[in-house]
């Protein structure tokens, strides 16, 4: 994974936030929102995976 996957995950998170704000009549999205948490986890996982790949000390 790399920059392309991180960018795609962040775009998915942005789209999820926009959709949830629209669906909630313009109200902010809570971090407890399950859709937000799932999209945020994808971003976190993509960043973590990229960190593993780019770590020169990683022997995996």
PDB file of N, CA and C in Angstrom:
ATOM      1  N   UNK A   1       0.835  -1.178   0.000  1.00  0.00           N
ATOM      2  CA  UNK A   1       0.000   0.000   0.000  1.00  0.00           C
ATOM      3  C   UNK A   1       0.875   1.235   0.000  1.00  0.00           C
ATOM      4  N   UNK A   2       0.340   2.255  -0.568  1.00  0.00           N
ATOM      5  CA  UNK A   2       1.101   3.481  -0.614  1.00  0.00           C
ATOM      6  C   UNK A   2       0.212   4.700  -0.662  1.00  0.00           C
ATOM      7  N   UNK A   3       0.756   5.724  -1.275  1.00  0.00           N
ATOM      8  CA  UNK A   3       0.059   7.009  -1.322  1.00  0.00           C
ATOM      9  C   UNK A   3      -1.292   6.903  -2.028  1.00  0.00           C
ATOM     10  N   UNK A   4      -1.367   6.084  -3.056  1.00  0.00           N
ATOM     11  CA  UNK A   4      -2.625   5.950  -3.812  1.00  0.00           C
ATOM     12  C   UNK A   4      -3.734   5.376  -2.927  1.00  0.00           C
ATOM     13  N   UNK A   5      -3.389   4.373  -2.124  1.00  0.00           N
ATOM     14  CA  UNK A   5      -4.391   3.770  -1.254  1.00  0.00           C
ATOM     15  C   UNK A   5      -4.793   4.718  -0.124  1.00  0.00           C
ATOM     16  N   UNK A   6      -3.827   5.458   0.400  1.00  0.00           N
ATOM     17  CA  UNK A   6      -4.139   6.427   1.456  1.00  0.00           C
ATOM     18  C   UNK A   6      -5.060   7.509   0.902  1.00  0.00           C
ATOM     19  N   UNK A   7      -4.739   8.002  -0.304  1.00  0.00           N
ATOM     20  CA  UNK A   7      -5.560   9.038  -0.929  1.00  0.00           C
ATOM     21  C   UNK A   7      -6.985   8.533  -1.157  1.00  0.00           C
ATOM     22  N   UNK A   8      -7.119   7.298  -1.612  1.00  0.00           N
ATOM     23  CA  UNK A   8      -8.449   6.728  -1.852  1.00  0.00           C
ATOM     24  C   UNK A   8      -9.218   6.569  -0.541  1.00  0.00           C
ATOM     25  N   UNK A   9      -8.532   6.124   0.516  1.00  0.00           N
ATOM     26  CA  UNK A   9      -9.201   5.957   1.807  1.00  0.00           C
ATOM     27  C   UNK A   9      -9.639   7.311   2.357  1.00  0.00           C
ATOM     28  N   UNK A  10      -8.794   8.330   2.210  1.00  0.00           N
ATOM     29  CA  UNK A  10      -9.160   9.673   2.683  1.00  0.00           C
ATOM     30  C   UNK A  10     -10.324  10.235   1.889  1.00  0.00           C
ATOM     31  N   UNK A  11     -10.363   9.980   0.595  1.00  0.00           N
ATOM     32  CA  UNK A  11     -11.494  10.429  -0.226  1.00  0.00           C
ATOM     33  C   UNK A  11     -12.777   9.732   0.219  1.00  0.00           C
ATOM     34  N   UNK A  12     -12.664   8.458   0.556  1.00  0.00           N
ATOM     35  CA  UNK A  12     -13.820   7.717   1.064  1.00  0.00           C
ATOM     36  C   UNK A  12     -14.306   8.284   2.383  1.00  0.00           C
ATOM     37  N   UNK A  13     -13.369   8.665   3.252  1.00  0.00           N
ATOM     38  CA  UNK A  13     -13.735   9.263   4.532  1.00  0.00           C
ATOM     39  C   UNK A  13     -14.431  10.602   4.310  1.00  0.00           C
ATOM     40  N   UNK A  14     -13.892  11.416   3.425  1.00  0.00           N
ATOM     41  CA  UNK A  14     -14.504  12.714   3.130  1.00  0.00           C
ATOM     42  C   UNK A  14     -15.914  12.534   2.574  1.00  0.00           C
ATOM     43  N   UNK A  15     -16.087  11.572   1.692  1.00  0.00           N
ATOM     44  CA  UNK A  15     -17.411  11.313   1.115  1.00  0.00           C
ATOM     45  C   UNK A  15     -18.379  10.815   2.192  1.00  0.00           C
ATOM     46  N   UNK A  16     -17.890   9.975   3.084  1.00  0.00           N
ATOM     47  CA  UNK A  16     -18.732   9.473   4.176  1.00  0.00           C
ATOM     48  C   UNK A  16     -19.179  10.613   5.080  1.00  0.00           C
ATOM     49  N   UNK A  17     -18.242  11.491   5.439  1.00  0.00           N
ATOM     50  CA  UNK A  17     -18.588  12.631   6.295  1.00  0.00           C
ATOM     51  C   UNK A  17     -19.621  13.513   5.606  1.00  0.00           C
ATOM     52  N   UNK A  18     -19.390  13.819   4.327  1.00  0.00           N
ATOM     53  CA  UNK A  18     -20.331  14.666   3.588  1.00  0.00           C
ATOM     54  C   UNK A  18     -21.713  14.022   3.528  1.00  0.00           C
ATOM     55  N   UNK A  19     -21.774  12.732   3.287  1.00  0.00           N
ATOM     56  CA  UNK A  19     -23.044  12.019   3.202  1.00  0.00           C
ATOM     57  C   UNK A  19     -23.760  12.012   4.551  1.00  0.00           C
ATOM     58  N   UNK A  20     -23.016  11.776   5.622  1.00  0.00           N
ATOM     59  CA  UNK A  20     -23.624  11.743   6.946  1.00  0.00           C
ATOM     60  C   UNK A  20     -24.115  13.128   7.372  1.00  0.00           C
ATOM     61  N   UNK A  21     -23.369  14.170   7.049  1.00  0.00           N
ATOM     62  CA  UNK A  21     -23.804  15.534   7.357  1.00  0.00           C
ATOM     63  C   UNK A  21     -25.101  15.840   6.605  1.00  0.00           C
ATOM     64  N   UNK A  22     -25.147  15.478   5.338  1.00  0.00           N
ATOM     65  CA  UNK A  22     -26.354  15.693   4.538  1.00  0.00           C
ATOM     66  C   UNK A  22     -27.527  14.907   5.128  1.00  0.00           C
ATOM     67  N   UNK A  23     -27.272  13.650   5.464  1.00  0.00           N
ATOM     68  CA  UNK A  23     -28.337  12.789   5.981  1.00  0.00           C
ATOM     69  C   UNK A  23     -28.858  13.270   7.332  1.00  0.00           C
ATOM     70  N   UNK A  24     -27.999  13.951   8.086  1.00  0.00           N
ATOM     71  CA  UNK A  24     -28.401  14.433   9.407  1.00  0.00           C
ATOM     72  C   UNK A  24     -28.834  15.892   9.387  1.00  0.00           C
ATOM     73  N   UNK A  25     -29.201  16.389   8.247  1.00  0.00           N
ATOM     74  CA  UNK A  25     -29.719  17.749   8.143  1.00  0.00           C
ATOM     75  C   UNK A  25     -28.689  18.820   8.447  1.00  0.00           C
ATOM     76  N   UNK A  26     -27.433  18.555   8.113  1.00  0.00           N
ATOM     77  CA  UNK A  26     -26.388  19.539   8.300  1.00  0.00           C
ATOM     78  C   UNK A  26     -25.696  19.486   9.654  1.00  0.00           C
ATOM     79  N   UNK A  27     -26.080  18.531  10.474  1.00  0.00           N
ATOM     80  CA  UNK A  27     -25.444  18.397  11.793  1.00  0.00           C
ATOM     81  C   UNK A  27     -24.066  17.756  11.662  1.00  0.00           C
ATOM     82  N   UNK A  28     -23.129  18.140  12.522  1.00  0.00           N
ATOM     83  CA  UNK A  28     -21.799  17.527  12.479  1.00  0.00           C
ATOM     84  C   UNK A  28     -21.864  16.020  12.707  1.00  0.00           C
ATOM     85  N   UNK A  29     -20.871  15.324  12.191  1.00  0.00           N
ATOM     86  CA  UNK A  29     -20.811  13.869  12.329  1.00  0.00           C
ATOM     87  C   UNK A  29     -20.091  13.527  13.629  1.00  0.00           C
ATOM     88  N   UNK A  30     -20.705  12.677  14.410  1.00  0.00           N
ATOM     89  CA  UNK A  30     -20.110  12.227  15.661  1.00  0.00           C
ATOM     90  C   UNK A  30     -19.087  11.130  15.391  1.00  0.00           C
ATOM     91  N   UNK A  31     -18.044  11.079  16.209  1.00  0.00           N
ATOM     92  CA  UNK A  31     -17.066  10.006  16.078  1.00  0.00           C
ATOM     93  C   UNK A  31     -17.663   8.661  16.469  1.00  0.00           C
ATOM     94  N   UNK A  32     -18.828   8.676  17.086  1.00  0.00           N
ATOM     95  CA  UNK A  32     -19.517   7.430  17.436  1.00  0.00           C
ATOM     96  C   UNK A  32     -20.304   6.858  16.259  1.00  0.00           C
ATOM     97  N   UNK A  33     -20.438   7.648  15.191  1.00  0.00           N
ATOM     98  CA  UNK A  33     -21.172   7.208  13.997  1.00  0.00           C
ATOM     99  C   UNK A  33     -20.475   5.990  13.391  1.00  0.00           C
ATOM    100  N   UNK A  34     -21.196   4.877  13.205  1.00  0.00           N
ATOM    101  CA  UNK A  34     -20.549   3.660  12.693  1.00  0.00           C
ATOM    102  C   UNK A  34     -19.982   3.811  11.281  1.00  0.00           C
ATOM    103  N   UNK A  35     -20.620   4.607  10.439  1.00  0.00           N
ATOM    104  CA  UNK A  35     -20.097   4.811   9.086  1.00  0.00           C
ATOM    105  C   UNK A  35     -18.793   5.598   9.131  1.00  0.00           C
ATOM    106  N   UNK A  36     -18.760   6.611  10.001  1.00  0.00           N
ATOM    107  CA  UNK A  36     -17.541   7.402  10.173  1.00  0.00           C
ATOM    108  C   UNK A  36     -16.417   6.520  10.700  1.00  0.00           C
ATOM    109  N   UNK A  37     -16.712   5.728  11.721  1.00  0.00           N
ATOM    110  CA  UNK A  37     -15.673   4.864  12.314  1.00  0.00           C
ATOM    111  C   UNK A  37     -15.114   3.889  11.286  1.00  0.00           C
ATOM    112  N   UNK A  38     -15.971   3.306  10.454  1.00  0.00           N
ATOM    113  CA  UNK A  38     -15.507   2.345   9.444  1.00  0.00           C
ATOM    114  C   UNK A  38     -14.611   3.030   8.414  1.00  0.00           C
ATOM    115  N   UNK A  39     -15.017   4.220   7.962  1.00  0.00           N
ATOM    116  CA  UNK A  39     -14.210   4.945   6.973  1.00  0.00           C
ATOM    117  C   UNK A  39     -12.894   5.415   7.584  1.00  0.00           C
ATOM    118  N   UNK A  40     -12.933   5.866   8.839  1.00  0.00           N
ATOM    119  CA  UNK A  40     -11.718   6.315   9.527  1.00  0.00           C
ATOM    120  C   UNK A  40     -10.755   5.152   9.722  1.00  0.00           C
ATOM    121  N   UNK A  41     -11.286   3.965   9.999  1.00  0.00           N
ATOM    122  CA  UNK A  41     -10.440   2.780  10.176  1.00  0.00           C
ATOM    123  C   UNK A  41      -9.725   2.437   8.872  1.00  0.00           C
ATOM    124  N   UNK A  42     -10.400   2.608   7.745  1.00  0.00           N
ATOM    125  CA  UNK A  42      -9.750   2.352   6.455  1.00  0.00           C
ATOM    126  C   UNK A  42      -8.562   3.287   6.247  1.00  0.00           C
ATOM    127  N   UNK A  43      -8.726   4.553   6.632  1.00  0.00           N
ATOM    128  CA  UNK A  43      -7.623   5.512   6.518  1.00  0.00           C
ATOM    129  C   UNK A  43      -6.487   5.088   7.446  1.00  0.00           C
ATOM    130  N   UNK A  44      -6.819   4.797   8.689  1.00  0.00           N
ATOM    131  CA  UNK A  44      -5.800   4.406   9.659  1.00  0.00           C
ATOM    132  C   UNK A  44      -5.061   3.148   9.207  1.00  0.00           C
ATOM    133  N   UNK A  45      -5.798   2.171   8.684  1.00  0.00           N
ATOM    134  CA  UNK A  45      -5.174   0.928   8.216  1.00  0.00           C
ATOM    135  C   UNK A  45      -4.261   1.178   7.016  1.00  0.00           C
ATOM    136  N   UNK A  46      -4.696   2.042   6.103  1.00  0.00           N
ATOM    137  CA  UNK A  46      -3.878   2.350   4.927  1.00  0.00           C
ATOM    138  C   UNK A  46      -2.588   3.046   5.326  1.00  0.00           C
ATOM    139  N   UNK A  47      -2.684   3.979   6.271  1.00  0.00           N
ATOM    140  CA  UNK A  47      -1.493   4.693   6.744  1.00  0.00           C
ATOM    141  C   UNK A  47      -0.561   3.724   7.476  1.00  0.00           C
ATOM    142  N   UNK A  48      -1.123   2.873   8.303  1.00  0.00           N
ATOM    143  CA  UNK A  48      -0.309   1.908   9.049  1.00  0.00           C
ATOM    144  C   UNK A  48       0.402   0.950   8.091  1.00  0.00           C
ATOM    145  N   UNK A  49      -0.310   0.473   7.087  1.00  0.00           N
ATOM    146  CA  UNK A  49       0.290  -0.440   6.112  1.00  0.00           C
ATOM    147  C   UNK A  49       1.399   0.250   5.330  1.00  0.00           C
ATOM    148  N   UNK A  50       1.178   1.500   4.952  1.00  0.00           N
ATOM    149  CA  UNK A  50       2.199   2.255   4.223  1.00  0.00           C
ATOM    150  C   UNK A  50       3.427   2.468   5.099  1.00  0.00           C
ATOM    151  N   UNK A  51       3.211   2.711   6.381  1.00  0.00           N
ATOM    152  CA  UNK A  51       4.331   2.875   7.305  1.00  0.00           C
ATOM    153  C   UNK A  51       5.167   1.602   7.381  1.00  0.00           C
ATOM    154  N   UNK A  52       4.500   0.448   7.382  1.00  0.00           N
ATOM    155  CA  UNK A  52       5.217  -0.829   7.421  1.00  0.00           C
ATOM    156  C   UNK A  52       6.065  -1.008   6.171  1.00  0.00           C
ATOM    157  N   UNK A  53       5.483  -0.688   5.023  1.00  0.00           N
ATOM    158  CA  UNK A  53       6.159  -0.865   3.749  1.00  0.00           C
ATOM    159  C   UNK A  53       7.353   0.076   3.637  1.00  0.00           C
ATOM    160  N   UNK A  54       7.204   1.288   4.134  1.00  0.00           N
ATOM    161  CA  UNK A  54       8.247   2.300   4.010  1.00  0.00           C
ATOM    162  C   UNK A  54       9.258   2.292   5.150  1.00  0.00           C
ATOM    163  N   UNK A  55       9.104   1.384   6.116  1.00  0.00           N
ATOM    164  CA  UNK A  55      10.019   1.311   7.258  1.00  0.00           C
ATOM    165  C   UNK A  55      11.262   0.513   6.870  1.00  0.00           C
ATOM    166  N   UNK A  56      12.430   1.138   6.824  1.00  0.00           N
ATOM    167  CA  UNK A  56      13.638   0.409   6.411  1.00  0.00           C
ATOM    168  C   UNK A  56      14.050  -0.671   7.403  1.00  0.00           C
ATOM    169  N   UNK A  57      13.542  -0.615   8.632  1.00  0.00           N
ATOM    170  CA  UNK A  57      13.900  -1.609   9.645  1.00  0.00           C
ATOM    171  C   UNK A  57      12.919  -2.758   9.688  1.00  0.00           C
ATOM    172  N   UNK A  58      11.888  -2.692   8.876  1.00  0.00           N
ATOM    173  CA  UNK A  58      10.886  -3.757   8.845  1.00  0.00           C
ATOM    174  C   UNK A  58      11.421  -4.932   8.036  1.00  0.00           C
ATOM    175  N   UNK A  59      11.488  -6.078   8.652  1.00  0.00           N
ATOM    176  CA  UNK A  59      12.027  -7.272   7.979  1.00  0.00           C
ATOM    177  C   UNK A  59      10.934  -8.153   7.399  1.00  0.00           C
ATOM    178  N   UNK A  60       9.717  -7.671   7.376  1.00  0.00           N
ATOM    179  CA  UNK A  60       8.599  -8.482   6.887  1.00  0.00           C
ATOM    180  C   UNK A  60       8.680  -8.718   5.401  1.00  0.00           C
TER     181      UNK A  60
END
